[in-house]
Amino acid sequence: MASTVEVQNHIEELKTSVNSALQTVYDFKKFGDKLTAANKAAELAKVTTVPTQRQHASDCSICTTWDGS
């Protein structure tokens, strides 16, 4: 069973990952029109693709085994 601390750490990792993705979107919105075509395409791919580590599974072993202690 996952402890409260493990769940908190897990959620913090997810939060950090999402905040990083949001910053990428903000940066693209702010500077996207100043990039070369190749750089713009690379940055746009970052904005439109969700990396595997950010895809939270509904059967997450930490979230589904939290013991609440």
PDB file of N, CA and C in Angstrom:
ATOM      1  N   MET A   1       0.830  -1.177   0.000  1.00  0.00           N
ATOM      2  CA  MET A   1       0.000   0.000   0.000  1.00  0.00           C
ATOM      3  C   MET A   1       0.879   1.247   0.000  1.00  0.00           C
ATOM      4  N   ALA A   2       0.432   2.237  -0.701  1.00  0.00           N
ATOM      5  CA  ALA A   2       1.158   3.503  -0.769  1.00  0.00           C
ATOM      6  C   ALA A   2       0.809   4.362   0.446  1.00  0.00           C
ATOM      7  N   SER A   3       1.834   4.944   1.018  1.00  0.00           N
ATOM      8  CA  SER A   3       1.619   5.822   2.166  1.00  0.00           C
ATOM      9  C   SER A   3       1.202   7.206   1.675  1.00  0.00           C
ATOM     10  N   THR A   4       0.754   8.022   2.602  1.00  0.00           N
ATOM     11  CA  THR A   4       0.367   9.391   2.280  1.00  0.00           C
ATOM     12  C   THR A   4       1.546  10.155   1.692  1.00  0.00           C
ATOM     13  N   VAL A   5       2.726   9.946   2.233  1.00  0.00           N
ATOM     14  CA  VAL A   5       3.921  10.634   1.739  1.00  0.00           C
ATOM     15  C   VAL A   5       4.206  10.222   0.292  1.00  0.00           C
ATOM     16  N   GLU A   6       4.081   8.939  -0.012  1.00  0.00           N
ATOM     17  CA  GLU A   6       4.307   8.468  -1.378  1.00  0.00           C
ATOM     18  C   GLU A   6       3.295   9.091  -2.344  1.00  0.00           C
ATOM     19  N   VAL A   7       2.048   9.172  -1.916  1.00  0.00           N
ATOM     20  CA  VAL A   7       1.012   9.778  -2.755  1.00  0.00           C
ATOM     21  C   VAL A   7       1.302  11.265  -2.948  1.00  0.00           C
ATOM     22  N   GLN A   8       1.676  11.955  -1.882  1.00  0.00           N
ATOM     23  CA  GLN A   8       2.000  13.381  -1.990  1.00  0.00           C
ATOM     24  C   GLN A   8       3.172  13.600  -2.948  1.00  0.00           C
ATOM     25  N   ASN A   9       4.215  12.780  -2.844  1.00  0.00           N
ATOM     26  CA  ASN A   9       5.361  12.898  -3.739  1.00  0.00           C
ATOM     27  C   ASN A   9       4.957  12.619  -5.185  1.00  0.00           C
ATOM     28  N   HIS A  10       4.129  11.631  -5.369  1.00  0.00           N
ATOM     29  CA  HIS A  10       3.637  11.261  -6.691  1.00  0.00           C
ATOM     30  C   HIS A  10       2.836  12.417  -7.313  1.00  0.00           C
ATOM     31  N   ILE A  11       1.955  12.991  -6.555  1.00  0.00           N
ATOM     32  CA  ILE A  11       1.141  14.103  -7.044  1.00  0.00           C
ATOM     33  C   ILE A  11       2.015  15.321  -7.318  1.00  0.00           C
ATOM     34  N   GLU A  12       3.014  15.552  -6.497  1.00  0.00           N
ATOM     35  CA  GLU A  12       3.937  16.665  -6.725  1.00  0.00           C
ATOM     36  C   GLU A  12       4.686  16.481  -8.044  1.00  0.00           C
ATOM     37  N   GLU A  13       5.097  15.252  -8.347  1.00  0.00           N
ATOM     38  CA  GLU A  13       5.771  14.975  -9.621  1.00  0.00           C
ATOM     39  C   GLU A  13       4.834  15.266 -10.796  1.00  0.00           C
ATOM     40  N   LEU A  14       3.585  14.850 -10.672  1.00  0.00           N
ATOM     41  CA  LEU A  14       2.606  15.116 -11.731  1.00  0.00           C
ATOM     42  C   LEU A  14       2.393  16.619 -11.897  1.00  0.00           C
ATOM     43  N   LYS A  15       2.283  17.319 -10.776  1.00  0.00           N
ATOM     44  CA  LYS A  15       2.074  18.770 -10.799  1.00  0.00           C
ATOM     45  C   LYS A  15       3.250  19.479 -11.466  1.00  0.00           C
ATOM     46  N   THR A  16       4.449  19.078 -11.126  1.00  0.00           N
ATOM     47  CA  THR A  16       5.642  19.674 -11.725  1.00  0.00           C
ATOM     48  C   THR A  16       5.668  19.443 -13.227  1.00  0.00           C
ATOM     49  N   SER A  17       5.316  18.250 -13.632  1.00  0.00           N
ATOM     50  CA  SER A  17       5.289  17.911 -15.056  1.00  0.00           C
ATOM     51  C   SER A  17       4.255  18.745 -15.803  1.00  0.00           C
ATOM     52  N   VAL A  18       3.077  18.890 -15.234  1.00  0.00           N
ATOM     53  CA  VAL A  18       2.019  19.683 -15.864  1.00  0.00           C
ATOM     54  C   VAL A  18       2.417  21.157 -15.916  1.00  0.00           C
ATOM     55  N   ASN A  19       2.998  21.665 -14.843  1.00  0.00           N
ATOM     56  CA  ASN A  19       3.438  23.070 -14.837  1.00  0.00           C
ATOM     57  C   ASN A  19       4.492  23.317 -15.909  1.00  0.00           C
ATOM     58  N   SER A  20       5.377  22.359 -16.103  1.00  0.00           N
ATOM     59  CA  SER A  20       6.394  22.472 -17.142  1.00  0.00           C
ATOM     60  C   SER A  20       5.745  22.521 -18.523  1.00  0.00           C
ATOM     61  N   ALA A  21       4.743  21.683 -18.724  1.00  0.00           N
ATOM     62  CA  ALA A  21       4.033  21.675 -20.010  1.00  0.00           C
ATOM     63  C   ALA A  21       3.308  22.995 -20.233  1.00  0.00           C
ATOM     64  N   LEU A  22       2.703  23.526 -19.195  1.00  0.00           N
ATOM     65  CA  LEU A  22       2.021  24.812 -19.317  1.00  0.00           C
ATOM     66  C   LEU A  22       3.005  25.917 -19.669  1.00  0.00           C
ATOM     67  N   GLN A  23       4.179  25.896 -19.059  1.00  0.00           N
ATOM     68  CA  GLN A  23       5.186  26.912 -19.366  1.00  0.00           C
ATOM     69  C   GLN A  23       5.615  26.824 -20.823  1.00  0.00           C
ATOM     70  N   THR A  24       5.724  25.613 -21.347  1.00  0.00           N
ATOM     71  CA  THR A  24       6.065  25.428 -22.760  1.00  0.00           C
ATOM     72  C   THR A  24       4.997  26.066 -23.652  1.00  0.00           C
ATOM     73  N   VAL A  25       3.735  25.880 -23.291  1.00  0.00           N
ATOM     74  CA  VAL A  25       2.635  26.481 -24.056  1.00  0.00           C
ATOM     75  C   VAL A  25       2.706  28.004 -23.980  1.00  0.00           C
ATOM     76  N   TYR A  26       2.917  28.522 -22.776  1.00  0.00           N
ATOM     77  CA  TYR A  26       3.001  29.975 -22.620  1.00  0.00           C
ATOM     78  C   TYR A  26       4.155  30.549 -23.439  1.00  0.00           C
ATOM     79  N   ASP A  27       5.294  29.867 -23.386  1.00  0.00           N
ATOM     80  CA  ASP A  27       6.457  30.325 -24.153  1.00  0.00           C
ATOM     81  C   ASP A  27       6.168  30.311 -25.648  1.00  0.00           C
ATOM     82  N   PHE A  28       5.499  29.262 -26.103  1.00  0.00           N
ATOM     83  CA  PHE A  28       5.182  29.174 -27.530  1.00  0.00           C
ATOM     84  C   PHE A  28       4.241  30.310 -27.938  1.00  0.00           C
ATOM     85  N   LYS A  29       3.239  30.551 -27.104  1.00  0.00           N
ATOM     86  CA  LYS A  29       2.306  31.636 -27.413  1.00  0.00           C
ATOM     87  C   LYS A  29       3.018  32.989 -27.437  1.00  0.00           C
ATOM     88  N   LYS A  30       3.989  33.152 -26.556  1.00  0.00           N
ATOM     89  CA  LYS A  30       4.679  34.425 -26.433  1.00  0.00           C
ATOM     90  C   LYS A  30       5.737  34.625 -27.529  1.00  0.00           C
ATOM     91  N   PHE A  31       6.460  33.556 -27.871  1.00  0.00           N
ATOM     92  CA  PHE A  31       7.597  33.696 -28.772  1.00  0.00           C
ATOM     93  C   PHE A  31       7.470  32.916 -30.077  1.00  0.00           C
ATOM     94  N   GLY A  32       6.398  32.153 -30.257  1.00  0.00           N
ATOM     95  CA  GLY A  32       6.252  31.291 -31.427  1.00  0.00           C
ATOM     96  C   GLY A  32       6.386  32.001 -32.754  1.00  0.00           C
ATOM     97  N   ASP A  33       5.896  33.223 -32.841  1.00  0.00           N
ATOM     98  CA  ASP A  33       5.962  33.948 -34.106  1.00  0.00           C
ATOM     99  C   ASP A  33       7.365  34.486 -34.403  1.00  0.00           C
ATOM    100  N   LYS A  34       8.275  34.383 -33.447  1.00  0.00           N
ATOM    101  CA  LYS A  34       9.644  34.867 -33.631  1.00  0.00           C
ATOM    102  C   LYS A  34      10.601  33.738 -34.027  1.00  0.00           C
ATOM    103  N   LEU A  35      10.116  32.496 -34.085  1.00  0.00           N
ATOM    104  CA  LEU A  35      10.957  31.349 -34.371  1.00  0.00           C
ATOM    105  C   LEU A  35      11.058  31.084 -35.870  1.00  0.00           C
ATOM    106  N   THR A  36      12.152  30.417 -36.249  1.00  0.00           N
ATOM    107  CA  THR A  36      12.261  29.969 -37.643  1.00  0.00           C
ATOM    108  C   THR A  36      11.233  28.866 -37.853  1.00  0.00           C
ATOM    109  N   ALA A  37      10.952  28.537 -39.085  1.00  0.00           N
ATOM    110  CA  ALA A  37       9.950  27.508 -39.386  1.00  0.00           C
ATOM    111  C   ALA A  37      10.303  26.171 -38.732  1.00  0.00           C
ATOM    112  N   ALA A  38      11.572  25.782 -38.799  1.00  0.00           N
ATOM    113  CA  ALA A  38      11.988  24.501 -38.210  1.00  0.00           C
ATOM    114  C   ALA A  38      11.849  24.515 -36.692  1.00  0.00           C
ATOM    115  N   ASN A  39      12.306  25.594 -36.081  1.00  0.00           N
ATOM    116  CA  ASN A  39      12.186  25.691 -34.617  1.00  0.00           C
ATOM    117  C   ASN A  39      10.727  25.776 -34.193  1.00  0.00           C
ATOM    118  N   LYS A  40       9.924  26.471 -34.976  1.00  0.00           N
ATOM    119  CA  LYS A  40       8.508  26.589 -34.649  1.00  0.00           C
ATOM    120  C   LYS A  40       7.841  25.215 -34.692  1.00  0.00           C
ATOM    121  N   ALA A  41       8.182  24.423 -35.700  1.00  0.00           N
ATOM    122  CA  ALA A  41       7.613  23.077 -35.808  1.00  0.00           C
ATOM    123  C   ALA A  41       8.023  22.209 -34.616  1.00  0.00           C
ATOM    124  N   ALA A  42       9.285  22.311 -34.203  1.00  0.00           N
ATOM    125  CA  ALA A  42       9.769  21.531 -33.057  1.00  0.00           C
ATOM    126  C   ALA A  42       9.069  21.953 -31.773  1.00  0.00           C
ATOM    127  N   GLU A  43       8.918  23.244 -31.579  1.00  0.00           N
ATOM    128  CA  GLU A  43       8.245  23.742 -30.373  1.00  0.00           C
ATOM    129  C   GLU A  43       6.759  23.398 -30.392  1.00  0.00           C
ATOM    130  N   LEU A  44       6.140  23.473 -31.559  1.00  0.00           N
ATOM    131  CA  LEU A  44       4.724  23.128 -31.676  1.00  0.00           C
ATOM    132  C   LEU A  44       4.507  21.651 -31.342  1.00  0.00           C
ATOM    133  N   ALA A  45       5.453  20.809 -31.736  1.00  0.00           N
ATOM    134  CA  ALA A  45       5.349  19.384 -31.403  1.00  0.00           C
ATOM    135  C   ALA A  45       5.361  19.176 -29.896  1.00  0.00           C
ATOM    136  N   LYS A  46       6.137  19.971 -29.167  1.00  0.00           N
ATOM    137  CA  LYS A  46       6.160  19.881 -27.702  1.00  0.00           C
ATOM    138  C   LYS A  46       4.807  20.256 -27.113  1.00  0.00           C
ATOM    139  N   VAL A  47       4.151  21.225 -27.729  1.00  0.00           N
ATOM    140  CA  VAL A  47       2.870  21.716 -27.222  1.00  0.00           C
ATOM    141  C   VAL A  47       1.741  20.738 -27.522  1.00  0.00           C
ATOM    142  N   THR A  48       1.800  20.076 -28.661  1.00  0.00           N
ATOM    143  CA  THR A  48       0.690  19.231 -29.097  1.00  0.00           C
ATOM    144  C   THR A  48       0.854  17.755 -28.772  1.00  0.00           C
ATOM    145  N   THR A  49       1.971  17.374 -28.175  1.00  0.00           N
ATOM    146  CA  THR A  49       2.226  15.970 -27.845  1.00  0.00           C
ATOM    147  C   THR A  49       2.330  15.821 -26.335  1.00  0.00           C
ATOM    148  N   VAL A  50       1.593  14.864 -25.787  1.00  0.00           N
ATOM    149  CA  VAL A  50       1.660  14.603 -24.347  1.00  0.00           C
ATOM    150  C   VAL A  50       2.621  13.438 -24.128  1.00  0.00           C
ATOM    151  N   PRO A  51       3.773  13.706 -23.511  1.00  0.00           N
ATOM    152  CA  PRO A  51       4.734  12.627 -23.253  1.00  0.00           C
ATOM    153  C   PRO A  51       4.143  11.540 -22.357  1.00  0.00           C
ATOM    154  N   THR A  52       4.640  10.344 -22.523  1.00  0.00           N
ATOM    155  CA  THR A  52       4.145   9.198 -21.760  1.00  0.00           C
ATOM    156  C   THR A  52       4.181   9.446 -20.263  1.00  0.00           C
ATOM    157  N   GLN A  53       5.249  10.077 -19.767  1.00  0.00           N
ATOM    158  CA  GLN A  53       5.356  10.286 -18.320  1.00  0.00           C
ATOM    159  C   GLN A  53       4.277  11.214 -17.785  1.00  0.00           C
ATOM    160  N   ARG A  54       3.627  11.982 -18.670  1.00  0.00           N
ATOM    161  CA  ARG A  54       2.559  12.871 -18.227  1.00  0.00           C
ATOM    162  C   ARG A  54       1.178  12.235 -18.369  1.00  0.00           C
ATOM    163  N   GLN A  55       1.113  11.060 -18.945  1.00  0.00           N
ATOM    164  CA  GLN A  55      -0.165  10.371 -19.103  1.00  0.00           C
ATOM    165  C   GLN A  55      -0.393   9.510 -17.868  1.00  0.00           C
ATOM    166  N   HIS A  56      -1.286   9.958 -17.010  1.00  0.00           N
ATOM    167  CA  HIS A  56      -1.513   9.285 -15.741  1.00  0.00           C
ATOM    168  C   HIS A  56      -2.515   8.155 -15.923  1.00  0.00           C
ATOM    169  N   ALA A  57      -2.093   6.961 -15.598  1.00  0.00           N
ATOM    170  CA  ALA A  57      -2.933   5.774 -15.778  1.00  0.00           C
ATOM    171  C   ALA A  57      -4.004   5.682 -14.706  1.00  0.00           C
ATOM    172  N   SER A  58      -5.187   5.240 -15.108  1.00  0.00           N
ATOM    173  CA  SER A  58      -6.278   5.073 -14.145  1.00  0.00           C
ATOM    174  C   SER A  58      -5.984   3.927 -13.182  1.00  0.00           C
ATOM    175  N   ASP A  59      -5.064   3.053 -13.542  1.00  0.00           N
ATOM    176  CA  ASP A  59      -4.704   1.951 -12.655  1.00  0.00           C
ATOM    177  C   ASP A  59      -3.352   2.185 -11.983  1.00  0.00           C
ATOM    178  N   CYS A  60      -3.020   3.454 -11.771  1.00  0.00           N
ATOM    179  CA  CYS A  60      -1.748   3.834 -11.143  1.00  0.00           C
ATOM    180  C   CYS A  60      -1.584   3.087  -9.827  1.00  0.00           C
ATOM    181  N   SER A  61      -0.469   2.395  -9.668  1.00  0.00           N
ATOM    182  CA  SER A  61      -0.259   1.568  -8.469  1.00  0.00           C
ATOM    183  C   SER A  61      -0.190   2.395  -7.197  1.00  0.00           C
ATOM    184  N   ILE A  62       0.280   3.628  -7.295  1.00  0.00           N
ATOM    185  CA  ILE A  62       0.358   4.469  -6.093  1.00  0.00           C
ATOM    186  C   ILE A  62      -1.035   5.001  -5.733  1.00  0.00           C
ATOM    187  N   CYS A  63      -1.731   5.543  -6.708  1.00  0.00           N
ATOM    188  CA  CYS A  63      -3.040   6.144  -6.429  1.00  0.00           C
ATOM    189  C   CYS A  63      -4.095   5.126  -6.021  1.00  0.00           C
ATOM    190  N   THR A  64      -4.026   3.938  -6.592  1.00  0.00           N
ATOM    191  CA  THR A  64      -5.061   2.942  -6.295  1.00  0.00           C
ATOM    192  C   THR A  64      -4.780   2.129  -5.043  1.00  0.00           C
ATOM    193  N   THR A  65      -3.582   2.276  -4.479  1.00  0.00           N
ATOM    194  CA  THR A  65      -3.271   1.496  -3.268  1.00  0.00           C
ATOM    195  C   THR A  65      -3.021   2.374  -2.049  1.00  0.00           C
ATOM    196  N   TRP A  66      -3.408   3.617  -2.117  1.00  0.00           N
ATOM    197  CA  TRP A  66      -3.204   4.526  -0.991  1.00  0.00           C
ATOM    198  C   TRP A  66      -3.939   4.001   0.232  1.00  0.00           C
ATOM    199  N   ASP A  67      -3.239   3.920   1.326  1.00  0.00           N
ATOM    200  CA  ASP A  67      -3.859   3.387   2.543  1.00  0.00           C
ATOM    201  C   ASP A  67      -4.375   4.460   3.469  1.00  0.00           C
ATOM    202  N   GLY A  68      -4.141   5.744   3.136  1.00  0.00           N
ATOM    203  CA  GLY A  68      -4.679   6.846   3.924  1.00  0.00           C
ATOM    204  C   GLY A  68      -3.966   7.099   5.235  1.00  0.00           C
ATOM    205  N   SER A  69      -2.826   6.439   5.444  1.00  0.00           N
ATOM    206  CA  SER A  69      -2.139   6.652   6.736  1.00  0.00           C
ATOM    207  C   SER A  69      -1.051   7.681   6.608  1.00  0.00           C
TER     208      SER A  69
END
